[in-house]
């Protein structure tokens, strides 16, 4: 393959990451970080993006879509969700899990 073609393919391949929205933040419950490995899903229309929390309850993912999305956390057999916005740049969501009437609810800190 010609070097020019290879460079063009690499540029086009990484161009999608350039417009991807970086969504990051943390999730706490009762003032403490939730456990490592809690699954998150961000749904933007038909597209879904997944991530897991780290040891500090933090998460980070890239969503190629922009606009309104739903962030869903799978926690202790429940799946509370929270509406977020994805932008071309980065956006931070620090969230709190609260139990209301036996059901978990996600709120912004």
PDB file of N, CA and C in Angstrom:
ATOM      1  N   UNK A   1       0.853  -1.176   0.000  1.00  0.00           N
ATOM      2  CA  UNK A   1       0.000   0.000   0.000  1.00  0.00           C
ATOM      3  C   UNK A   1       0.897   1.236   0.000  1.00  0.00           C
ATOM      4  N   UNK A   2       0.499   2.215  -0.737  1.00  0.00           N
ATOM      5  CA  UNK A   2       1.279   3.439  -0.816  1.00  0.00           C
ATOM      6  C   UNK A   2       1.240   4.172   0.516  1.00  0.00           C
ATOM      7  N   UNK A   3       2.331   4.819   0.906  1.00  0.00           N
ATOM      8  CA  UNK A   3       2.362   5.553   2.186  1.00  0.00           C
ATOM      9  C   UNK A   3       1.292   6.646   2.265  1.00  0.00           C
ATOM     10  N   UNK A   4       0.986   7.310   1.150  1.00  0.00           N
ATOM     11  CA  UNK A   4      -0.023   8.369   1.164  1.00  0.00           C
ATOM     12  C   UNK A   4      -1.396   7.774   1.483  1.00  0.00           C
ATOM     13  N   UNK A   5      -1.706   6.625   0.902  1.00  0.00           N
ATOM     14  CA  UNK A   5      -2.992   5.973   1.165  1.00  0.00           C
ATOM     15  C   UNK A   5      -3.093   5.549   2.618  1.00  0.00           C
ATOM     16  N   UNK A   6      -2.019   5.025   3.161  1.00  0.00           N
ATOM     17  CA  UNK A   6      -2.009   4.599   4.555  1.00  0.00           C
ATOM     18  C   UNK A   6      -2.235   5.779   5.495  1.00  0.00           C
ATOM     19  N   UNK A   7      -1.591   6.899   5.226  1.00  0.00           N
ATOM     20  CA  UNK A   7      -1.771   8.100   6.042  1.00  0.00           C
ATOM     21  C   UNK A   7      -3.208   8.591   5.954  1.00  0.00           C
ATOM     22  N   UNK A   8      -3.785   8.589   4.765  1.00  0.00           N
ATOM     23  CA  UNK A   8      -5.167   9.028   4.582  1.00  0.00           C
ATOM     24  C   UNK A   8      -6.134   8.124   5.351  1.00  0.00           C
ATOM     25  N   UNK A   9      -5.918   6.831   5.306  1.00  0.00           N
ATOM     26  CA  UNK A   9      -6.774   5.891   6.045  1.00  0.00           C
ATOM     27  C   UNK A   9      -6.658   6.140   7.542  1.00  0.00           C
ATOM     28  N   UNK A  10      -5.465   6.355   8.044  1.00  0.00           N
ATOM     29  CA  UNK A  10      -5.275   6.630   9.468  1.00  0.00           C
ATOM     30  C   UNK A  10      -5.962   7.925   9.888  1.00  0.00           C
ATOM     31  N   UNK A  11      -5.842   8.952   9.074  1.00  0.00           N
ATOM     32  CA  UNK A  11      -6.479  10.235   9.402  1.00  0.00           C
ATOM     33  C   UNK A  11      -7.990  10.087   9.443  1.00  0.00           C
ATOM     34  N   UNK A  12      -8.563   9.422   8.457  1.00  0.00           N
ATOM     35  CA  UNK A  12     -10.011   9.230   8.424  1.00  0.00           C
ATOM     36  C   UNK A  12     -10.473   8.322   9.559  1.00  0.00           C
ATOM     37  N   UNK A  13      -9.667   7.337   9.907  1.00  0.00           N
ATOM     38  CA  UNK A  13     -10.028   6.428  10.990  1.00  0.00           C
ATOM     39  C   UNK A  13     -10.068   7.117  12.338  1.00  0.00           C
ATOM     40  N   UNK A  14      -9.148   8.039  12.576  1.00  0.00           N
ATOM     41  CA  UNK A  14      -9.108   8.742  13.852  1.00  0.00           C
ATOM     42  C   UNK A  14      -9.970   9.994  13.873  1.00  0.00           C
ATOM     43  N   UNK A  15     -10.509  10.391  12.737  1.00  0.00           N
ATOM     44  CA  UNK A  15     -11.354  11.586  12.680  1.00  0.00           C
ATOM     45  C   UNK A  15     -12.612  11.405  13.516  1.00  0.00           C
ATOM     46  N   UNK A  16     -13.142  10.182  13.582  1.00  0.00           N
ATOM     47  CA  UNK A  16     -14.353   9.965  14.369  1.00  0.00           C
ATOM     48  C   UNK A  16     -14.087  10.194  15.857  1.00  0.00           C
ATOM     49  N   UNK A  17     -12.888   9.911  16.321  1.00  0.00           N
ATOM     50  CA  UNK A  17     -12.558  10.171  17.728  1.00  0.00           C
ATOM     51  C   UNK A  17     -12.443  11.666  18.003  1.00  0.00           C
ATOM     52  N   UNK A  18     -12.107  12.436  16.991  1.00  0.00           N
ATOM     53  CA  UNK A  18     -11.939  13.872  17.196  1.00  0.00           C
ATOM     54  C   UNK A  18     -13.254  14.557  17.535  1.00  0.00           C
ATOM     55  N   UNK A  19     -14.380  14.034  17.030  1.00  0.00           N
ATOM     56  CA  UNK A  19     -15.659  14.655  17.312  1.00  0.00           C
ATOM     57  C   UNK A  19     -16.425  13.920  18.412  1.00  0.00           C
ATOM     58  N   UNK A  20     -15.807  12.895  18.971  1.00  0.00           N
ATOM     59  CA  UNK A  20     -16.478  12.134  20.024  1.00  0.00           C
ATOM     60  C   UNK A  20     -16.576  12.958  21.289  1.00  0.00           C
ATOM     61  N   UNK A  21     -17.675  12.783  22.006  1.00  0.00           N
ATOM     62  CA  UNK A  21     -17.867  13.476  23.267  1.00  0.00           C
ATOM     63  C   UNK A  21     -17.328  12.641  24.410  1.00  0.00           C
ATOM     64  N   UNK A  22     -16.495  13.233  25.217  1.00  0.00           N
ATOM     65  CA  UNK A  22     -15.954  12.564  26.390  1.00  0.00           C
ATOM     66  C   UNK A  22     -16.918  12.804  27.549  1.00  0.00           C
ATOM     67  N   UNK A  23     -17.507  11.743  28.068  1.00  0.00           N
ATOM     68  CA  UNK A  23     -18.420  11.835  29.203  1.00  0.00           C
ATOM     69  C   UNK A  23     -17.746  11.156  30.374  1.00  0.00           C
ATOM     70  N   UNK A  24     -17.575  11.898  31.468  1.00  0.00           N
ATOM     71  CA  UNK A  24     -16.886  11.328  32.622  1.00  0.00           C
ATOM     72  C   UNK A  24     -17.512  11.858  33.901  1.00  0.00           C
ATOM     73  N   UNK A  25     -17.164  11.246  35.006  1.00  0.00           N
ATOM     74  CA  UNK A  25     -17.680  11.700  36.287  1.00  0.00           C
ATOM     75  C   UNK A  25     -17.524  10.634  37.343  1.00  0.00           C
ATOM     76  N   UNK A  26     -18.340  10.741  38.383  1.00  0.00           N
ATOM     77  CA  UNK A  26     -18.284   9.783  39.483  1.00  0.00           C
ATOM     78  C   UNK A  26     -19.691   9.528  40.002  1.00  0.00           C
ATOM     79  N   UNK A  27     -19.836   8.416  40.711  1.00  0.00           N
ATOM     80  CA  UNK A  27     -21.118   8.060  41.307  1.00  0.00           C
ATOM     81  C   UNK A  27     -20.882   7.697  42.761  1.00  0.00           C
ATOM     82  N   UNK A  28     -21.661   8.311  43.639  1.00  0.00           N
ATOM     83  CA  UNK A  28     -21.546   8.029  45.068  1.00  0.00           C
ATOM     84  C   UNK A  28     -22.904   7.602  45.619  1.00  0.00           C
ATOM     85  N   UNK A  29     -22.837   6.938  46.767  1.00  0.00           N
ATOM     86  CA  UNK A  29     -24.041   6.585  47.514  1.00  0.00           C
ATOM     87  C   UNK A  29     -23.721   6.799  48.988  1.00  0.00           C
ATOM     88  N   UNK A  30     -24.516   7.587  49.653  1.00  0.00           N
ATOM     89  CA  UNK A  30     -24.287   7.864  51.066  1.00  0.00           C
ATOM     90  C   UNK A  30     -22.944   8.533  51.333  1.00  0.00           C
ATOM     91  N   UNK A  31     -22.492   9.343  50.399  1.00  0.00           N
ATOM     92  CA  UNK A  31     -21.233  10.068  50.565  1.00  0.00           C
ATOM     93  C   UNK A  31     -19.992   9.256  50.253  1.00  0.00           C
ATOM     94  N   UNK A  32     -20.155   7.996  49.827  1.00  0.00           N
ATOM     95  CA  UNK A  32     -19.015   7.132  49.505  1.00  0.00           C
ATOM     96  C   UNK A  32     -19.117   6.669  48.057  1.00  0.00           C
ATOM     97  N   UNK A  33     -17.963   6.453  47.454  1.00  0.00           N
ATOM     98  CA  UNK A  33     -17.920   5.973  46.069  1.00  0.00           C
ATOM     99  C   UNK A  33     -18.546   4.582  45.977  1.00  0.00           C
ATOM    100  N   UNK A  34     -19.277   4.343  44.882  1.00  0.00           N
ATOM    101  CA  UNK A  34     -19.820   3.001  44.685  1.00  0.00           C
ATOM    102  C   UNK A  34     -18.687   2.062  44.271  1.00  0.00           C
ATOM    103  N   UNK A  35     -18.958   0.790  44.287  1.00  0.00           N
ATOM    104  CA  UNK A  35     -17.934  -0.226  44.052  1.00  0.00           C
ATOM    105  C   UNK A  35     -17.380  -0.184  42.627  1.00  0.00           C
ATOM    106  N   UNK A  36     -16.210  -0.750  42.490  1.00  0.00           N
ATOM    107  CA  UNK A  36     -15.584  -0.896  41.188  1.00  0.00           C
ATOM    108  C   UNK A  36     -16.360  -1.928  40.371  1.00  0.00           C
ATOM    109  N   UNK A  37     -16.455  -1.710  39.062  1.00  0.00           N
ATOM    110  CA  UNK A  37     -17.076  -2.669  38.162  1.00  0.00           C
ATOM    111  C   UNK A  37     -18.566  -2.506  37.962  1.00  0.00           C
ATOM    112  N   UNK A  38     -19.171  -1.443  38.517  1.00  0.00           N
ATOM    113  CA  UNK A  38     -20.592  -1.187  38.295  1.00  0.00           C
ATOM    114  C   UNK A  38     -20.765  -0.745  36.838  1.00  0.00           C
ATOM    115  N   UNK A  39     -21.677  -1.382  36.125  1.00  0.00           N
ATOM    116  CA  UNK A  39     -21.856  -1.121  34.694  1.00  0.00           C
ATOM    117  C   UNK A  39     -22.730   0.098  34.444  1.00  0.00           C
ATOM    118  N   UNK A  40     -22.295   0.893  33.450  1.00  0.00           N
ATOM    119  CA  UNK A  40     -23.045   2.059  32.994  1.00  0.00           C
ATOM    120  C   UNK A  40     -23.301   1.908  31.510  1.00  0.00           C
ATOM    121  N   UNK A  41     -24.408   2.465  31.066  1.00  0.00           N
ATOM    122  CA  UNK A  41     -24.709   2.487  29.642  1.00  0.00           C
ATOM    123  C   UNK A  41     -25.256   3.863  29.292  1.00  0.00           C
ATOM    124  N   UNK A  42     -24.727   4.444  28.243  1.00  0.00           N
ATOM    125  CA  UNK A  42     -25.245   5.704  27.724  1.00  0.00           C
ATOM    126  C   UNK A  42     -25.900   5.394  26.392  1.00  0.00           C
ATOM    127  N   UNK A  43     -27.185   5.709  26.283  1.00  0.00           N
ATOM    128  CA  UNK A  43     -27.933   5.480  25.055  1.00  0.00           C
ATOM    129  C   UNK A  43     -28.253   6.828  24.421  1.00  0.00           C
ATOM    130  N   UNK A  44     -27.770   6.999  23.204  1.00  0.00           N
ATOM    131  CA  UNK A  44     -28.034   8.200  22.417  1.00  0.00           C
ATOM    132  C   UNK A  44     -28.758   7.735  21.157  1.00  0.00           C
ATOM    133  N   UNK A  45     -30.083   7.819  21.178  1.00  0.00           N
ATOM    134  CA  UNK A  45     -30.851   7.268  20.064  1.00  0.00           C
ATOM    135  C   UNK A  45     -30.663   5.757  20.035  1.00  0.00           C
ATOM    136  N   UNK A  46     -30.310   5.220  18.870  1.00  0.00           N
ATOM    137  CA  UNK A  46     -30.108   3.779  18.719  1.00  0.00           C
ATOM    138  C   UNK A  46     -28.711   3.337  19.144  1.00  0.00           C
ATOM    139  N   UNK A  47     -27.798   4.279  19.344  1.00  0.00           N
ATOM    140  CA  UNK A  47     -26.420   3.948  19.699  1.00  0.00           C
ATOM    141  C   UNK A  47     -26.249   3.849  21.210  1.00  0.00           C
ATOM    142  N   UNK A  48     -25.490   2.840  21.633  1.00  0.00           N
ATOM    143  CA  UNK A  48     -25.243   2.629  23.057  1.00  0.00           C
ATOM    144  C   UNK A  48     -23.750   2.523  23.306  1.00  0.00           C
ATOM    145  N   UNK A  49     -23.326   3.096  24.430  1.00  0.00           N
ATOM    146  CA  UNK A  49     -21.920   3.108  24.815  1.00  0.00           C
ATOM    147  C   UNK A  49     -21.829   2.630  26.258  1.00  0.00           C
ATOM    148  N   UNK A  50     -20.886   1.748  26.543  1.00  0.00           N
ATOM    149  CA  UNK A  50     -20.787   1.185  27.879  1.00  0.00           C
ATOM    150  C   UNK A  50     -19.492   1.539  28.577  1.00  0.00           C
ATOM    151  N   UNK A  51     -19.540   1.451  29.897  1.00  0.00           N
ATOM    152  CA  UNK A  51     -18.364   1.690  30.730  1.00  0.00           C
ATOM    153  C   UNK A  51     -18.598   1.018  32.079  1.00  0.00           C
ATOM    154  N   UNK A  52     -17.570   1.004  32.904  1.00  0.00           N
ATOM    155  CA  UNK A  52     -17.659   0.501  34.279  1.00  0.00           C
ATOM    156  C   UNK A  52     -16.971   1.492  35.196  1.00  0.00           C
ATOM    157  N   UNK A  53     -17.407   1.490  36.452  1.00  0.00           N
ATOM    158  CA  UNK A  53     -16.762   2.366  37.429  1.00  0.00           C
ATOM    159  C   UNK A  53     -15.412   1.778  37.839  1.00  0.00           C
ATOM    160  N   UNK A  54     -14.518   2.668  38.248  1.00  0.00           N
ATOM    161  CA  UNK A  54     -13.233   2.213  38.772  1.00  0.00           C
ATOM    162  C   UNK A  54     -13.316   2.131  40.294  1.00  0.00           C
ATOM    163  N   UNK A  55     -12.195   1.943  40.962  1.00  0.00           N
ATOM    164  CA  UNK A  55     -12.166   1.780  42.419  1.00  0.00           C
ATOM    165  C   UNK A  55     -12.644   3.016  43.172  1.00  0.00           C
ATOM    166  N   UNK A  56     -12.653   4.171  42.509  1.00  0.00           N
ATOM    167  CA  UNK A  56     -13.100   5.418  43.135  1.00  0.00           C
ATOM    168  C   UNK A  56     -14.519   5.803  42.730  1.00  0.00           C
ATOM    169  N   UNK A  57     -15.236   4.898  42.075  1.00  0.00           N
ATOM    170  CA  UNK A  57     -16.594   5.196  41.624  1.00  0.00           C
ATOM    171  C   UNK A  57     -16.634   6.090  40.396  1.00  0.00           C
ATOM    172  N   UNK A  58     -15.494   6.272  39.733  1.00  0.00           N
ATOM    173  CA  UNK A  58     -15.407   7.154  38.563  1.00  0.00           C
ATOM    174  C   UNK A  58     -15.646   6.356  37.282  1.00  0.00           C
ATOM    175  N   UNK A  59     -16.103   7.058  36.248  1.00  0.00           N
ATOM    176  CA  UNK A  59     -16.316   6.439  34.943  1.00  0.00           C
ATOM    177  C   UNK A  59     -15.882   7.402  33.851  1.00  0.00           C
ATOM    178  N   UNK A  60     -15.655   6.842  32.664  1.00  0.00           N
ATOM    179  CA  UNK A  60     -15.262   7.645  31.511  1.00  0.00           C
ATOM    180  C   UNK A  60     -15.626   6.865  30.257  1.00  0.00           C
ATOM    181  N   UNK A  61     -16.272   7.536  29.318  1.00  0.00           N
ATOM    182  CA  UNK A  61     -16.587   6.905  28.039  1.00  0.00           C
ATOM    183  C   UNK A  61     -16.665   7.954  26.952  1.00  0.00           C
ATOM    184  N   UNK A  62     -16.627   7.494  25.712  1.00  0.00           N
ATOM    185  CA  UNK A  62     -16.733   8.377  24.552  1.00  0.00           C
ATOM    186  C   UNK A  62     -18.027   8.059  23.821  1.00  0.00           C
ATOM    187  N   UNK A  63     -18.808   9.073  23.505  1.00  0.00           N
ATOM    188  CA  UNK A  63     -20.038   8.927  22.731  1.00  0.00           C
ATOM    189  C   UNK A  63     -19.892   9.738  21.450  1.00  0.00           C
ATOM    190  N   UNK A  64     -20.057   9.096  20.331  1.00  0.00           N
ATOM    191  CA  UNK A  64     -19.932   9.795  19.054  1.00  0.00           C
ATOM    192  C   UNK A  64     -21.107  10.718  18.785  1.00  0.00           C
ATOM    193  N   UNK A  65     -22.240  10.428  19.425  1.00  0.00           N
ATOM    194  CA  UNK A  65     -23.444  11.227  19.218  1.00  0.00           C
ATOM    195  C   UNK A  65     -23.426  12.491  20.073  1.00  0.00           C
ATOM    196  N   UNK A  66     -24.138  13.504  19.606  1.00  0.00           N
ATOM    197  CA  UNK A  66     -24.306  14.727  20.374  1.00  0.00           C
ATOM    198  C   UNK A  66     -25.785  14.950  20.623  1.00  0.00           C
ATOM    199  N   UNK A  67     -26.090  15.557  21.762  1.00  0.00           N
ATOM    200  CA  UNK A  67     -27.479  15.831  22.093  1.00  0.00           C
ATOM    201  C   UNK A  67     -27.899  15.101  23.355  1.00  0.00           C
ATOM    202  N   UNK A  68     -29.209  14.937  23.522  1.00  0.00           N
ATOM    203  CA  UNK A  68     -29.748  14.298  24.724  1.00  0.00           C
ATOM    204  C   UNK A  68     -29.521  12.792  24.677  1.00  0.00           C
ATOM    205  N   UNK A  69     -29.071  12.256  25.804  1.00  0.00           N
ATOM    206  CA  UNK A  69     -28.819  10.833  25.948  1.00  0.00           C
ATOM    207  C   UNK A  69     -29.309  10.396  27.327  1.00  0.00           C
ATOM    208  N   UNK A  70     -29.436   9.093  27.528  1.00  0.00           N
ATOM    209  CA  UNK A  70     -29.806   8.546  28.834  1.00  0.00           C
ATOM    210  C   UNK A  70     -28.640   7.737  29.374  1.00  0.00           C
ATOM    211  N   UNK A  71     -28.241   8.056  30.614  1.00  0.00           N
ATOM    212  CA  UNK A  71     -27.209   7.301  31.309  1.00  0.00           C
ATOM    213  C   UNK A  71     -27.917   6.367  32.276  1.00  0.00           C
ATOM    214  N   UNK A  72     -27.651   5.074  32.160  1.00  0.00           N
ATOM    215  CA  UNK A  72     -28.286   4.071  33.011  1.00  0.00           C
ATOM    216  C   UNK A  72     -27.200   3.343  33.795  1.00  0.00           C
ATOM    217  N   UNK A  73     -27.440   3.168  35.089  1.00  0.00           N
ATOM    218  CA  UNK A  73     -26.511   2.462  35.976  1.00  0.00           C
ATOM    219  C   UNK A  73     -27.177   1.173  36.427  1.00  0.00           C
ATOM    220  N   UNK A  74     -26.472   0.066  36.295  1.00  0.00           N
ATOM    221  CA  UNK A  74     -26.980  -1.209  36.797  1.00  0.00           C
ATOM    222  C   UNK A  74     -26.370  -1.418  38.180  1.00  0.00           C
ATOM    223  N   UNK A  75     -27.209  -1.286  39.212  1.00  0.00           N
ATOM    224  CA  UNK A  75     -26.714  -1.286  40.590  1.00  0.00           C
ATOM    225  C   UNK A  75     -27.678  -2.053  41.486  1.00  0.00           C
ATOM    226  N   UNK A  76     -27.183  -3.073  42.140  1.00  0.00           N
ATOM    227  CA  UNK A  76     -27.938  -3.884  43.094  1.00  0.00           C
ATOM    228  C   UNK A  76     -29.291  -4.328  42.531  1.00  0.00           C
ATOM    229  N   UNK A  77     -29.261  -4.853  41.316  1.00  0.00           N
ATOM    230  CA  UNK A  77     -30.456  -5.391  40.686  1.00  0.00           C
ATOM    231  C   UNK A  77     -31.417  -4.351  40.135  1.00  0.00           C
ATOM    232  N   UNK A  78     -31.051  -3.091  40.198  1.00  0.00           N
ATOM    233  CA  UNK A  78     -31.892  -2.018  39.669  1.00  0.00           C
ATOM    234  C   UNK A  78     -31.137  -1.262  38.572  1.00  0.00           C
ATOM    235  N   UNK A  79     -31.883  -0.494  37.786  1.00  0.00           N
ATOM    236  CA  UNK A  79     -31.280   0.263  36.689  1.00  0.00           C
ATOM    237  C   UNK A  79     -31.798   1.697  36.651  1.00  0.00           C
ATOM    238  N   UNK A  80     -31.410   2.506  37.635  1.00  0.00           N
ATOM    239  CA  UNK A  80     -31.837   3.912  37.582  1.00  0.00           C
ATOM    240  C   UNK A  80     -31.164   4.626  36.412  1.00  0.00           C
ATOM    241  N   UNK A  81     -31.845   5.640  35.877  1.00  0.00           N
ATOM    242  CA  UNK A  81     -31.291   6.369  34.740  1.00  0.00           C
ATOM    243  C   UNK A  81     -31.365   7.872  34.984  1.00  0.00           C
ATOM    244  N   UNK A  82     -30.612   8.606  34.171  1.00  0.00           N
ATOM    245  CA  UNK A  82     -30.509  10.052  34.311  1.00  0.00           C
ATOM    246  C   UNK A  82     -30.281  10.627  32.920  1.00  0.00           C
ATOM    247  N   UNK A  83     -31.025  11.670  32.560  1.00  0.00           N
ATOM    248  CA  UNK A  83     -30.853  12.300  31.253  1.00  0.00           C
ATOM    249  C   UNK A  83     -29.610  13.181  31.262  1.00  0.00           C
ATOM    250  N   UNK A  84     -28.764  12.994  30.250  1.00  0.00           N
ATOM    251  CA  UNK A  84     -27.536  13.785  30.124  1.00  0.00           C
ATOM    252  C   UNK A  84     -27.489  14.397  28.732  1.00  0.00           C
ATOM    253  N   UNK A  85     -26.523  15.258  28.516  1.00  0.00           N
ATOM    254  CA  UNK A  85     -26.262  15.837  27.200  1.00  0.00           C
ATOM    255  C   UNK A  85     -24.845  15.504  26.798  1.00  0.00           C
ATOM    256  N   UNK A  86     -24.682  15.080  25.564  1.00  0.00           N
ATOM    257  CA  UNK A  86     -23.371  14.780  25.009  1.00  0.00           C
ATOM    258  C   UNK A  86     -22.985  15.921  24.081  1.00  0.00           C
ATOM    259  N   UNK A  87     -21.767  16.383  24.207  1.00  0.00           N
ATOM    260  CA  UNK A  87     -21.271  17.495  23.407  1.00  0.00           C
ATOM    261  C   UNK A  87     -20.042  17.054  22.628  1.00  0.00           C
ATOM    262  N   UNK A  88     -19.593  17.902  21.733  1.00  0.00           N
ATOM    263  CA  UNK A  88     -18.379  17.614  20.976  1.00  0.00           C
ATOM    264  C   UNK A  88     -17.178  17.528  21.922  1.00  0.00           C
ATOM    265  N   UNK A  89     -17.175  18.353  22.948  1.00  0.00           N
ATOM    266  CA  UNK A  89     -16.081  18.336  23.916  1.00  0.00           C
ATOM    267  C   UNK A  89     -16.410  17.447  25.101  1.00  0.00           C
ATOM    268  N   UNK A  90     -15.758  17.690  26.204  1.00  0.00           N
ATOM    269  CA  UNK A  90     -15.957  16.900  27.412  1.00  0.00           C
ATOM    270  C   UNK A  90     -17.081  17.453  28.266  1.00  0.00           C
ATOM    271  N   UNK A  91     -17.742  16.557  29.003  1.00  0.00           N
ATOM    272  CA  UNK A  91     -18.771  16.960  29.946  1.00  0.00           C
ATOM    273  C   UNK A  91     -18.662  16.049  31.173  1.00  0.00           C
ATOM    274  N   UNK A  92     -18.779  16.656  32.348  1.00  0.00           N
ATOM    275  CA  UNK A  92     -18.637  15.921  33.606  1.00  0.00           C
ATOM    276  C   UNK A  92     -19.989  15.791  34.291  1.00  0.00           C
ATOM    277  N   UNK A  93     -20.278  14.575  34.752  1.00  0.00           N
ATOM    278  CA  UNK A  93     -21.486  14.299  35.513  1.00  0.00           C
ATOM    279  C   UNK A  93     -21.100  13.567  36.792  1.00  0.00           C
ATOM    280  N   UNK A  94     -21.145  14.268  37.908  1.00  0.00           N
ATOM    281  CA  UNK A  94     -20.951  13.653  39.210  1.00  0.00           C
ATOM    282  C   UNK A  94     -22.339  13.379  39.761  1.00  0.00           C
ATOM    283  N   UNK A  95     -22.651  12.108  39.943  1.00  0.00           N
ATOM    284  CA  UNK A  95     -24.001  11.690  40.287  1.00  0.00           C
ATOM    285  C   UNK A  95     -24.061  11.045  41.668  1.00  0.00           C
ATOM    286  N   UNK A  96     -25.260  11.076  42.250  1.00  0.00           N
ATOM    287  CA  UNK A  96     -25.512  10.491  43.569  1.00  0.00           C
ATOM    288  C   UNK A  96     -26.647   9.491  43.423  1.00  0.00           C
ATOM    289  N   UNK A  97     -26.451   8.298  43.977  1.00  0.00           N
ATOM    290  CA  UNK A  97     -27.512   7.302  44.043  1.00  0.00           C
ATOM    291  C   UNK A  97     -28.234   7.469  45.371  1.00  0.00           C
ATOM    292  N   UNK A  98     -29.548   7.666  45.316  1.00  0.00           N
ATOM    293  CA  UNK A  98     -30.354   7.786  46.539  1.00  0.00           C
ATOM    294  C   UNK A  98     -31.473   6.758  46.464  1.00  0.00           C
ATOM    295  N   UNK A  99     -31.791   6.181  47.604  1.00  0.00           N
ATOM    296  CA  UNK A  99     -32.886   5.222  47.665  1.00  0.00           C
ATOM    297  C   UNK A  99     -34.149   5.949  48.098  1.00  0.00           C
ATOM    298  N   UNK A 100     -35.181   5.856  47.279  1.00  0.00           N
ATOM    299  CA  UNK A 100     -36.469   6.499  47.573  1.00  0.00           C
ATOM    300  C   UNK A 100     -37.558   5.445  47.451  1.00  0.00           C
ATOM    301  N   UNK A 101     -38.137   5.091  48.583  1.00  0.00           N
ATOM    302  CA  UNK A 101     -39.200   4.096  48.577  1.00  0.00           C
ATOM    303  C   UNK A 101     -38.754   2.745  48.054  1.00  0.00           C
ATOM    304  N   UNK A 102     -37.546   2.347  48.358  1.00  0.00           N
ATOM    305  CA  UNK A 102     -37.040   1.055  47.919  1.00  0.00           C
ATOM    306  C   UNK A 102     -36.433   1.047  46.527  1.00  0.00           C
ATOM    307  N   UNK A 103     -36.528   2.163  45.807  1.00  0.00           N
ATOM    308  CA  UNK A 103     -35.979   2.266  44.454  1.00  0.00           C
ATOM    309  C   UNK A 103     -34.842   3.271  44.426  1.00  0.00           C
ATOM    310  N   UNK A 104     -33.778   2.927  43.687  1.00  0.00           N
ATOM    311  CA  UNK A 104     -32.669   3.864  43.526  1.00  0.00           C
ATOM    312  C   UNK A 104     -33.011   4.916  42.484  1.00  0.00           C
ATOM    313  N   UNK A 105     -32.577   6.141  42.756  1.00  0.00           N
ATOM    314  CA  UNK A 105     -32.746   7.276  41.850  1.00  0.00           C
ATOM    315  C   UNK A 105     -31.388   7.918  41.682  1.00  0.00           C
ATOM    316  N   UNK A 106     -31.060   8.311  40.446  1.00  0.00           N
ATOM    317  CA  UNK A 106     -29.821   9.037  40.159  1.00  0.00           C
ATOM    318  C   UNK A 106     -30.096  10.523  40.137  1.00  0.00           C
ATOM    319  N   UNK A 107     -29.267  11.278  40.846  1.00  0.00           N
ATOM    320  CA  UNK A 107     -29.381  12.738  40.861  1.00  0.00           C
ATOM    321  C   UNK A 107     -28.001  13.330  40.634  1.00  0.00           C
ATOM    322  N   UNK A 108     -27.997  14.542  40.132  1.00  0.00           N
ATOM    323  CA  UNK A 108     -26.731  15.255  39.961  1.00  0.00           C
ATOM    324  C   UNK A 108     -26.311  15.818  41.305  1.00  0.00           C
ATOM    325  N   UNK A 109     -25.020  15.754  41.590  1.00  0.00           N
ATOM    326  CA  UNK A 109     -24.467  16.285  42.829  1.00  0.00           C
ATOM    327  C   UNK A 109     -24.694  17.758  42.934  1.00  0.00           C
TER     328      UNK A 109
END
